[in-house]
């Protein structure tokens, strides 16, 4: 694996998310996957995990297929992206039902896949709690359930995600 593959992933992330913006900050969307990849790098995760972190939302949000990812980055990276991709559709039912389907899917992910999901959760939690307190109530309840199945992921990132959850609920108890 070479650093050039990581650079290609950065380029593709920007290209595939072009025109998309973060909901609360209006930043270019790629800022989020870049943050996820940075969290993974800081934890010493593999380059494959970092690349998958950059690409983790492309199947859901960019009309990119697992096969396209595999053709450019290899089967392992495509598998990692697939492990953390939401698989439910609106036809599956209400939000609670869909989130249960997605949670069951990520529960099957290996340790590296679950670590990517933890980094994603950490990145999203900060933004949602800061910018959308109303939705944060729903989101944090979902993340509480999600943490119950992310037990194979990196222990330090798990602790960090749990601390964000605990901090959120502790601050709400004071209100």
N, C-alpha and C. Protein backbone atom coordinates (compact mmCIF):
# COMPACT_ATOMS: atom_id res chain seq x y z
N UNK A 1 0.86 -1.18 0.00
CA UNK A 1 0.00 0.00 0.00
C UNK A 1 0.90 1.23 0.00
N UNK A 2 0.52 2.17 -0.81
CA UNK A 2 1.34 3.38 -0.88
C UNK A 2 0.51 4.59 -0.48
N UNK A 3 1.25 5.61 -0.11
CA UNK A 3 0.60 6.87 0.25
C UNK A 3 -0.19 7.44 -0.92
N UNK A 4 0.17 7.05 -2.16
CA UNK A 4 -0.55 7.57 -3.32
C UNK A 4 -2.00 7.09 -3.33
N UNK A 5 -2.26 5.90 -2.78
CA UNK A 5 -3.64 5.41 -2.69
C UNK A 5 -4.43 6.25 -1.69
N UNK A 6 -3.79 6.66 -0.62
CA UNK A 6 -4.43 7.54 0.34
C UNK A 6 -4.72 8.90 -0.30
N UNK A 7 -3.77 9.40 -1.10
CA UNK A 7 -4.00 10.66 -1.81
C UNK A 7 -5.14 10.53 -2.82
N UNK A 8 -5.21 9.40 -3.52
CA UNK A 8 -6.30 9.17 -4.46
C UNK A 8 -7.64 9.16 -3.72
N UNK A 9 -7.66 8.55 -2.55
CA UNK A 9 -8.90 8.51 -1.75
C UNK A 9 -9.33 9.93 -1.36
N UNK A 10 -8.36 10.77 -1.00
CA UNK A 10 -8.69 12.16 -0.66
C UNK A 10 -9.31 12.87 -1.87
N UNK A 11 -8.69 12.66 -3.03
CA UNK A 11 -9.18 13.29 -4.26
C UNK A 11 -10.59 12.79 -4.59
N UNK A 12 -10.80 11.47 -4.52
CA UNK A 12 -12.10 10.89 -4.84
C UNK A 12 -13.16 11.32 -3.83
N UNK A 13 -12.78 11.42 -2.58
CA UNK A 13 -13.71 11.88 -1.57
C UNK A 13 -14.21 13.29 -1.92
N UNK A 14 -13.30 14.17 -2.26
CA UNK A 14 -13.68 15.54 -2.64
C UNK A 14 -14.53 15.53 -3.92
N UNK A 15 -14.10 14.74 -4.90
CA UNK A 15 -14.81 14.68 -6.18
C UNK A 15 -16.23 14.12 -5.99
N UNK A 16 -16.34 13.01 -5.29
CA UNK A 16 -17.63 12.34 -5.17
C UNK A 16 -18.60 13.12 -4.27
N UNK A 17 -18.08 13.87 -3.32
CA UNK A 17 -18.94 14.67 -2.44
C UNK A 17 -19.08 16.11 -2.93
N UNK A 18 -18.55 16.41 -4.13
CA UNK A 18 -18.59 17.77 -4.65
C UNK A 18 -20.04 18.28 -4.69
N UNK A 19 -20.21 19.50 -4.20
CA UNK A 19 -21.53 20.12 -4.19
C UNK A 19 -22.34 19.80 -2.94
N UNK A 20 -21.89 18.84 -2.15
CA UNK A 20 -22.57 18.50 -0.91
C UNK A 20 -21.98 19.35 0.21
N UNK A 21 -22.85 19.71 1.17
CA UNK A 21 -22.40 20.52 2.29
C UNK A 21 -22.83 19.88 3.60
N UNK A 22 -22.07 20.15 4.65
CA UNK A 22 -22.45 19.71 5.99
C UNK A 22 -23.72 20.44 6.38
N UNK A 23 -24.63 19.73 6.97
CA UNK A 23 -25.96 20.26 7.27
C UNK A 23 -25.92 21.52 8.13
N UNK A 24 -25.08 21.55 9.13
CA UNK A 24 -25.15 22.64 10.11
C UNK A 24 -24.14 23.74 9.87
N UNK A 25 -23.07 23.44 9.19
CA UNK A 25 -21.99 24.42 9.07
C UNK A 25 -21.83 24.95 7.65
N UNK A 26 -22.47 24.31 6.69
CA UNK A 26 -22.32 24.65 5.27
C UNK A 26 -20.89 24.48 4.77
N UNK A 27 -20.06 23.78 5.53
CA UNK A 27 -18.73 23.43 5.04
C UNK A 27 -18.88 22.41 3.93
N UNK A 28 -17.89 22.30 3.07
CA UNK A 28 -17.93 21.21 2.09
C UNK A 28 -18.04 19.87 2.83
N UNK A 29 -18.84 18.96 2.30
CA UNK A 29 -19.10 17.72 3.01
C UNK A 29 -17.83 16.93 3.31
N UNK A 30 -16.85 17.01 2.41
CA UNK A 30 -15.65 16.19 2.59
C UNK A 30 -14.91 16.50 3.89
N UNK A 31 -15.21 17.60 4.53
CA UNK A 31 -14.58 17.93 5.82
C UNK A 31 -14.85 16.81 6.83
N UNK A 32 -16.07 16.26 6.82
CA UNK A 32 -16.42 15.18 7.76
C UNK A 32 -15.60 13.91 7.50
N UNK A 33 -15.59 13.34 6.29
CA UNK A 33 -14.77 12.14 6.11
C UNK A 33 -13.28 12.39 6.33
N UNK A 34 -12.81 13.59 6.04
CA UNK A 34 -11.41 13.91 6.33
C UNK A 34 -11.17 13.85 7.84
N UNK A 35 -12.13 14.34 8.63
CA UNK A 35 -11.99 14.28 10.08
C UNK A 35 -12.00 12.82 10.56
N UNK A 36 -12.89 12.01 9.99
CA UNK A 36 -12.95 10.59 10.36
C UNK A 36 -11.60 9.93 10.08
N UNK A 37 -11.03 10.17 8.90
CA UNK A 37 -9.73 9.59 8.55
C UNK A 37 -8.64 10.09 9.50
N UNK A 38 -8.71 11.36 9.88
CA UNK A 38 -7.72 11.91 10.81
C UNK A 38 -7.81 11.23 12.18
N UNK A 39 -9.03 11.02 12.67
CA UNK A 39 -9.21 10.33 13.94
C UNK A 39 -8.58 8.93 13.86
N UNK A 40 -8.81 8.25 12.75
CA UNK A 40 -8.26 6.90 12.56
C UNK A 40 -6.73 6.93 12.49
N UNK A 41 -6.19 7.92 11.81
CA UNK A 41 -4.73 8.05 11.72
C UNK A 41 -4.13 8.29 13.10
N UNK A 42 -4.77 9.18 13.88
CA UNK A 42 -4.27 9.48 15.22
C UNK A 42 -4.25 8.24 16.11
N UNK A 43 -5.14 7.30 15.87
CA UNK A 43 -5.20 6.05 16.65
C UNK A 43 -4.26 5.00 16.07
N UNK A 44 -3.53 5.34 15.02
CA UNK A 44 -2.58 4.40 14.44
C UNK A 44 -3.23 3.31 13.61
N UNK A 45 -4.42 3.58 13.11
CA UNK A 45 -5.12 2.59 12.29
C UNK A 45 -4.44 2.45 10.94
N UNK A 46 -4.70 1.33 10.29
CA UNK A 46 -4.07 1.03 9.00
C UNK A 46 -4.46 2.05 7.93
N UNK A 47 -3.66 2.08 6.89
CA UNK A 47 -3.98 2.95 5.76
C UNK A 47 -5.31 2.52 5.13
N UNK A 48 -5.58 1.22 5.10
CA UNK A 48 -6.87 0.75 4.57
C UNK A 48 -8.02 1.37 5.36
N UNK A 49 -7.90 1.38 6.67
CA UNK A 49 -8.95 1.96 7.51
C UNK A 49 -9.08 3.46 7.26
N UNK A 50 -7.96 4.15 7.12
CA UNK A 50 -8.00 5.59 6.84
C UNK A 50 -8.68 5.87 5.51
N UNK A 51 -8.36 5.07 4.50
CA UNK A 51 -8.98 5.23 3.18
C UNK A 51 -10.48 4.96 3.28
N UNK A 52 -10.85 3.89 3.96
CA UNK A 52 -12.27 3.58 4.14
C UNK A 52 -12.96 4.70 4.93
N UNK A 53 -12.26 5.30 5.87
CA UNK A 53 -12.81 6.44 6.60
C UNK A 53 -13.10 7.61 5.67
N UNK A 54 -12.21 7.84 4.71
CA UNK A 54 -12.44 8.90 3.74
C UNK A 54 -13.64 8.60 2.84
N UNK A 55 -13.87 7.32 2.58
CA UNK A 55 -14.90 6.91 1.63
C UNK A 55 -16.17 6.39 2.29
N UNK A 56 -16.26 6.48 3.62
CA UNK A 56 -17.31 5.77 4.34
C UNK A 56 -18.74 6.19 3.99
N UNK A 57 -18.94 7.38 3.48
CA UNK A 57 -20.30 7.83 3.13
C UNK A 57 -20.57 7.81 1.63
N UNK A 58 -19.65 7.33 0.84
CA UNK A 58 -19.81 7.45 -0.62
C UNK A 58 -20.89 6.54 -1.19
N UNK A 59 -21.05 5.34 -0.65
CA UNK A 59 -22.10 4.45 -1.16
C UNK A 59 -23.47 5.03 -0.82
N UNK A 60 -23.61 5.54 0.40
CA UNK A 60 -24.89 6.12 0.84
C UNK A 60 -25.21 7.42 0.13
N UNK A 61 -24.23 8.28 -0.05
CA UNK A 61 -24.49 9.67 -0.42
C UNK A 61 -24.07 10.07 -1.83
N UNK A 62 -23.36 9.21 -2.55
CA UNK A 62 -22.74 9.67 -3.79
C UNK A 62 -23.03 8.81 -5.02
N UNK A 63 -23.93 7.88 -4.91
CA UNK A 63 -24.23 7.01 -6.05
C UNK A 63 -22.97 6.29 -6.53
N UNK A 64 -22.14 5.91 -5.59
CA UNK A 64 -20.94 5.13 -5.85
C UNK A 64 -21.21 3.72 -5.35
N UNK A 65 -20.74 2.72 -6.08
CA UNK A 65 -20.99 1.34 -5.69
C UNK A 65 -19.77 0.72 -5.00
N UNK A 66 -20.03 -0.34 -4.30
CA UNK A 66 -18.95 -1.10 -3.68
C UNK A 66 -17.97 -1.58 -4.75
N UNK A 67 -18.48 -1.99 -5.90
CA UNK A 67 -17.60 -2.46 -6.98
C UNK A 67 -16.69 -1.34 -7.49
N UNK A 68 -17.21 -0.12 -7.60
CA UNK A 68 -16.38 0.99 -8.03
C UNK A 68 -15.25 1.23 -7.02
N UNK A 69 -15.58 1.15 -5.75
CA UNK A 69 -14.55 1.33 -4.72
C UNK A 69 -13.53 0.20 -4.81
N UNK A 70 -14.00 -1.03 -4.98
CA UNK A 70 -13.09 -2.18 -5.09
C UNK A 70 -12.17 -2.03 -6.30
N UNK A 71 -12.70 -1.56 -7.41
CA UNK A 71 -11.88 -1.41 -8.62
C UNK A 71 -10.76 -0.40 -8.43
N UNK A 72 -11.03 0.65 -7.67
CA UNK A 72 -10.02 1.69 -7.45
C UNK A 72 -9.11 1.41 -6.26
N UNK A 73 -9.67 0.81 -5.19
CA UNK A 73 -8.94 0.73 -3.93
C UNK A 73 -8.74 -0.70 -3.39
N UNK A 74 -9.36 -1.66 -4.05
CA UNK A 74 -9.20 -3.04 -3.60
C UNK A 74 -10.38 -3.53 -2.78
N UNK A 75 -10.46 -4.83 -2.70
CA UNK A 75 -11.58 -5.49 -2.04
C UNK A 75 -11.67 -5.21 -0.55
N UNK A 76 -10.54 -5.17 0.15
CA UNK A 76 -10.58 -4.94 1.59
C UNK A 76 -11.17 -3.58 1.92
N UNK A 77 -10.75 -2.55 1.21
CA UNK A 77 -11.28 -1.20 1.47
C UNK A 77 -12.76 -1.15 1.12
N UNK A 78 -13.14 -1.77 0.01
CA UNK A 78 -14.57 -1.81 -0.35
C UNK A 78 -15.37 -2.53 0.72
N UNK A 79 -14.83 -3.60 1.27
CA UNK A 79 -15.51 -4.33 2.34
C UNK A 79 -15.66 -3.46 3.58
N UNK A 80 -14.62 -2.73 3.94
CA UNK A 80 -14.70 -1.85 5.11
C UNK A 80 -15.77 -0.77 4.92
N UNK A 81 -15.80 -0.16 3.74
CA UNK A 81 -16.82 0.86 3.47
C UNK A 81 -18.21 0.23 3.56
N UNK A 82 -18.35 -0.95 2.99
CA UNK A 82 -19.64 -1.65 3.03
C UNK A 82 -20.07 -1.96 4.46
N UNK A 83 -19.12 -2.31 5.31
CA UNK A 83 -19.44 -2.65 6.71
C UNK A 83 -20.09 -1.49 7.45
N UNK A 84 -19.73 -0.26 7.10
CA UNK A 84 -20.22 0.91 7.84
C UNK A 84 -21.29 1.69 7.08
N UNK A 85 -21.70 1.17 5.93
CA UNK A 85 -22.73 1.82 5.13
C UNK A 85 -24.10 1.42 5.64
N UNK A 86 -24.97 2.41 5.83
CA UNK A 86 -26.36 2.11 6.19
C UNK A 86 -26.99 1.32 5.05
N UNK A 87 -27.67 0.23 5.40
CA UNK A 87 -28.26 -0.64 4.39
C UNK A 87 -29.77 -0.52 4.31
N UNK A 88 -30.37 0.15 5.26
CA UNK A 88 -31.83 0.28 5.26
C UNK A 88 -32.26 1.29 4.20
N UNK A 89 -33.52 1.17 3.80
CA UNK A 89 -34.13 2.12 2.87
C UNK A 89 -35.44 2.61 3.49
N UNK A 90 -35.99 3.66 2.93
CA UNK A 90 -37.25 4.18 3.43
C UNK A 90 -38.35 3.12 3.39
N UNK A 91 -38.26 2.20 2.44
CA UNK A 91 -39.25 1.13 2.32
C UNK A 91 -39.21 0.16 3.51
N UNK A 92 -38.14 0.19 4.28
CA UNK A 92 -38.00 -0.72 5.42
C UNK A 92 -38.83 -0.31 6.63
N UNK A 93 -39.36 0.90 6.61
CA UNK A 93 -40.21 1.31 7.73
C UNK A 93 -39.78 2.64 8.32
N UNK A 94 -40.21 2.87 9.55
CA UNK A 94 -39.92 4.14 10.22
C UNK A 94 -38.44 4.22 10.63
N UNK A 95 -38.05 5.37 11.12
CA UNK A 95 -36.65 5.61 11.46
C UNK A 95 -36.13 4.59 12.47
N UNK A 96 -36.93 4.28 13.49
CA UNK A 96 -36.49 3.33 14.51
C UNK A 96 -36.21 1.95 13.89
N UNK A 97 -37.06 1.51 13.01
CA UNK A 97 -36.87 0.23 12.33
C UNK A 97 -35.63 0.26 11.44
N UNK A 98 -35.48 1.35 10.68
CA UNK A 98 -34.32 1.46 9.80
C UNK A 98 -33.02 1.49 10.59
N UNK A 99 -32.99 2.22 11.70
CA UNK A 99 -31.77 2.30 12.50
C UNK A 99 -31.44 0.94 13.11
N UNK A 100 -32.45 0.14 13.45
CA UNK A 100 -32.21 -1.21 13.98
C UNK A 100 -31.58 -2.09 12.89
N UNK A 101 -32.06 -1.96 11.66
CA UNK A 101 -31.48 -2.72 10.54
C UNK A 101 -30.02 -2.32 10.34
N UNK A 102 -29.75 -1.02 10.35
CA UNK A 102 -28.37 -0.53 10.16
C UNK A 102 -27.47 -0.95 11.32
N UNK A 103 -28.01 -0.93 12.52
CA UNK A 103 -27.25 -1.35 13.71
C UNK A 103 -26.90 -2.84 13.61
N UNK A 104 -27.85 -3.66 13.20
CA UNK A 104 -27.59 -5.09 13.03
C UNK A 104 -26.50 -5.32 11.97
N UNK A 105 -26.51 -4.51 10.94
CA UNK A 105 -25.50 -4.62 9.88
C UNK A 105 -24.10 -4.30 10.42
N UNK A 106 -23.95 -3.19 11.11
CA UNK A 106 -22.62 -2.80 11.61
C UNK A 106 -22.17 -3.71 12.76
N UNK A 107 -23.10 -4.35 13.43
CA UNK A 107 -22.73 -5.30 14.49
C UNK A 107 -21.92 -6.47 13.92
N UNK A 108 -22.13 -6.77 12.64
CA UNK A 108 -21.41 -7.87 11.97
C UNK A 108 -20.03 -7.45 11.48
N UNK A 109 -19.74 -6.16 11.52
CA UNK A 109 -18.44 -5.66 11.04
C UNK A 109 -17.31 -6.18 11.91
N UNK A 110 -16.15 -6.30 11.30
CA UNK A 110 -14.97 -6.71 12.08
C UNK A 110 -14.46 -5.52 12.90
N UNK A 111 -13.40 -5.75 13.65
CA UNK A 111 -12.88 -4.72 14.56
C UNK A 111 -12.51 -3.44 13.82
N UNK A 112 -11.89 -3.57 12.67
CA UNK A 112 -11.48 -2.38 11.91
C UNK A 112 -12.71 -1.62 11.40
N UNK A 113 -13.70 -2.34 10.92
CA UNK A 113 -14.93 -1.70 10.46
C UNK A 113 -15.63 -0.97 11.60
N UNK A 114 -15.71 -1.62 12.75
CA UNK A 114 -16.37 -0.98 13.89
C UNK A 114 -15.58 0.23 14.38
N UNK A 115 -14.27 0.20 14.23
CA UNK A 115 -13.45 1.35 14.62
C UNK A 115 -13.74 2.54 13.70
N UNK A 116 -13.94 2.28 12.42
CA UNK A 116 -14.31 3.35 11.48
C UNK A 116 -15.65 3.95 11.90
N UNK A 117 -16.59 3.10 12.27
CA UNK A 117 -17.91 3.58 12.70
C UNK A 117 -17.79 4.42 13.98
N UNK A 118 -16.91 4.02 14.88
CA UNK A 118 -16.70 4.81 16.10
C UNK A 118 -16.15 6.20 15.76
N UNK A 119 -15.20 6.27 14.83
CA UNK A 119 -14.64 7.56 14.42
C UNK A 119 -15.73 8.42 13.78
N UNK A 120 -16.58 7.81 12.97
CA UNK A 120 -17.70 8.51 12.35
C UNK A 120 -18.66 9.05 13.41
N UNK A 121 -18.96 8.22 14.38
CA UNK A 121 -19.86 8.62 15.47
C UNK A 121 -19.29 9.80 16.24
N UNK A 122 -18.00 9.75 16.54
CA UNK A 122 -17.35 10.84 17.28
C UNK A 122 -17.43 12.14 16.48
N UNK A 123 -17.12 12.08 15.21
CA UNK A 123 -17.16 13.27 14.37
C UNK A 123 -18.57 13.85 14.28
N UNK A 124 -19.54 12.99 14.01
CA UNK A 124 -20.93 13.46 13.87
C UNK A 124 -21.50 13.97 15.19
N UNK A 125 -21.17 13.32 16.29
CA UNK A 125 -21.73 13.71 17.59
C UNK A 125 -21.36 15.15 17.92
N UNK A 126 -20.12 15.49 17.74
CA UNK A 126 -19.69 16.86 18.05
C UNK A 126 -20.53 17.88 17.29
N UNK A 127 -20.71 17.66 16.01
CA UNK A 127 -21.42 18.61 15.16
C UNK A 127 -22.91 18.68 15.52
N UNK A 128 -23.53 17.53 15.69
CA UNK A 128 -24.98 17.51 15.95
C UNK A 128 -25.31 18.10 17.31
N UNK A 129 -24.56 17.73 18.33
CA UNK A 129 -24.83 18.25 19.67
C UNK A 129 -24.67 19.77 19.70
N UNK A 130 -23.65 20.26 19.01
CA UNK A 130 -23.40 21.71 19.00
C UNK A 130 -24.44 22.47 18.21
N UNK A 131 -24.87 21.94 17.07
CA UNK A 131 -25.66 22.72 16.13
C UNK A 131 -27.16 22.38 16.07
N UNK A 132 -27.57 21.24 16.61
CA UNK A 132 -28.99 20.86 16.52
C UNK A 132 -29.45 20.14 17.78
N UNK A 133 -29.62 20.89 18.88
CA UNK A 133 -30.02 20.27 20.14
C UNK A 133 -31.31 19.45 20.06
N UNK A 134 -32.23 19.88 19.23
CA UNK A 134 -33.49 19.15 19.09
C UNK A 134 -33.27 17.76 18.51
N UNK A 135 -32.55 17.68 17.40
CA UNK A 135 -32.26 16.39 16.77
C UNK A 135 -31.28 15.58 17.62
N UNK A 136 -30.44 16.26 18.37
CA UNK A 136 -29.44 15.57 19.19
C UNK A 136 -30.12 14.59 20.15
N UNK A 137 -31.30 14.91 20.63
CA UNK A 137 -32.01 14.00 21.54
C UNK A 137 -32.27 12.65 20.86
N UNK A 138 -32.73 12.69 19.63
CA UNK A 138 -33.00 11.47 18.87
C UNK A 138 -31.68 10.78 18.52
N UNK A 139 -30.75 11.55 18.00
CA UNK A 139 -29.46 11.03 17.55
C UNK A 139 -28.71 10.35 18.70
N UNK A 140 -28.66 10.99 19.84
CA UNK A 140 -27.88 10.43 20.95
C UNK A 140 -28.52 9.16 21.49
N UNK A 141 -29.83 9.07 21.48
CA UNK A 141 -30.49 7.82 21.88
C UNK A 141 -30.12 6.70 20.92
N UNK A 142 -30.07 7.01 19.63
CA UNK A 142 -29.66 6.01 18.63
C UNK A 142 -28.20 5.61 18.84
N UNK A 143 -27.36 6.56 19.14
CA UNK A 143 -25.94 6.27 19.32
C UNK A 143 -25.70 5.44 20.59
N UNK A 144 -26.52 5.66 21.58
CA UNK A 144 -26.42 4.86 22.81
C UNK A 144 -26.65 3.38 22.47
N UNK A 145 -27.65 3.11 21.65
CA UNK A 145 -27.92 1.74 21.22
C UNK A 145 -26.81 1.22 20.31
N UNK A 146 -26.31 2.09 19.46
CA UNK A 146 -25.25 1.69 18.53
C UNK A 146 -23.98 1.29 19.28
N UNK A 147 -23.64 2.03 20.32
CA UNK A 147 -22.43 1.69 21.09
C UNK A 147 -22.51 0.28 21.66
N UNK A 148 -23.71 -0.20 21.94
CA UNK A 148 -23.86 -1.55 22.47
C UNK A 148 -23.36 -2.63 21.52
N UNK A 149 -23.30 -2.33 20.21
CA UNK A 149 -22.85 -3.34 19.25
C UNK A 149 -21.45 -3.04 18.69
N UNK A 150 -20.85 -1.94 19.08
CA UNK A 150 -19.52 -1.58 18.57
C UNK A 150 -18.41 -2.04 19.50
N UNK A 151 -18.59 -3.17 20.10
CA UNK A 151 -17.68 -3.68 21.13
C UNK A 151 -16.37 -4.24 20.58
N UNK A 152 -16.29 -4.47 19.27
CA UNK A 152 -15.06 -4.99 18.67
C UNK A 152 -14.11 -3.87 18.25
N UNK A 153 -14.60 -2.64 18.24
CA UNK A 153 -13.79 -1.51 17.78
C UNK A 153 -12.69 -1.13 18.75
N UNK A 154 -11.87 -0.21 18.32
CA UNK A 154 -10.76 0.31 19.12
C UNK A 154 -11.26 0.76 20.49
N UNK A 155 -10.65 0.26 21.53
CA UNK A 155 -11.13 0.53 22.90
C UNK A 155 -11.02 2.01 23.27
N UNK A 156 -9.98 2.68 22.81
CA UNK A 156 -9.84 4.10 23.15
C UNK A 156 -10.91 4.94 22.44
N UNK A 157 -11.18 4.63 21.17
CA UNK A 157 -12.23 5.37 20.48
C UNK A 157 -13.60 5.04 21.05
N UNK A 158 -13.78 3.79 21.46
CA UNK A 158 -15.04 3.42 22.12
C UNK A 158 -15.22 4.26 23.39
N UNK A 159 -14.16 4.36 24.18
CA UNK A 159 -14.22 5.15 25.42
C UNK A 159 -14.50 6.62 25.12
N UNK A 160 -13.90 7.13 24.06
CA UNK A 160 -14.13 8.53 23.68
C UNK A 160 -15.58 8.74 23.25
N UNK A 161 -16.12 7.81 22.46
CA UNK A 161 -17.52 7.92 22.04
C UNK A 161 -18.45 7.81 23.24
N UNK A 162 -18.15 6.90 24.14
CA UNK A 162 -18.96 6.72 25.35
C UNK A 162 -18.90 7.98 26.21
N UNK A 163 -17.72 8.58 26.32
CA UNK A 163 -17.57 9.81 27.11
C UNK A 163 -18.41 10.95 26.52
N UNK A 164 -18.45 11.06 25.19
CA UNK A 164 -19.29 12.08 24.56
C UNK A 164 -20.76 11.84 24.88
N UNK A 165 -21.16 10.59 24.86
CA UNK A 165 -22.54 10.22 25.19
C UNK A 165 -22.84 10.54 26.65
N UNK A 166 -21.94 10.12 27.54
CA UNK A 166 -22.13 10.38 28.97
C UNK A 166 -22.17 11.88 29.26
N UNK A 167 -21.28 12.62 28.61
CA UNK A 167 -21.23 14.07 28.80
C UNK A 167 -22.55 14.70 28.33
N UNK A 168 -23.06 14.24 27.22
CA UNK A 168 -24.33 14.76 26.71
C UNK A 168 -25.45 14.52 27.72
N UNK A 169 -25.58 13.29 28.18
CA UNK A 169 -26.68 12.99 29.11
C UNK A 169 -26.47 13.65 30.47
N UNK A 170 -25.23 13.80 30.90
CA UNK A 170 -24.94 14.50 32.14
C UNK A 170 -25.33 15.97 32.06
N UNK A 171 -25.02 16.61 30.94
CA UNK A 171 -25.36 18.02 30.77
C UNK A 171 -26.87 18.22 30.66
N UNK A 172 -27.56 17.26 30.10
CA UNK A 172 -29.03 17.35 29.99
C UNK A 172 -29.68 17.17 31.34
N UNK A 173 -29.07 16.37 32.21
CA UNK A 173 -29.64 16.13 33.55
C UNK A 173 -29.61 17.40 34.38
N UNK A 174 -28.65 18.28 34.08
CA UNK A 174 -28.53 19.54 34.81
C UNK A 174 -29.55 20.57 34.37
N UNK A 175 -30.08 20.40 33.15
CA UNK A 175 -31.04 21.37 32.60
C UNK A 175 -32.40 21.26 33.26
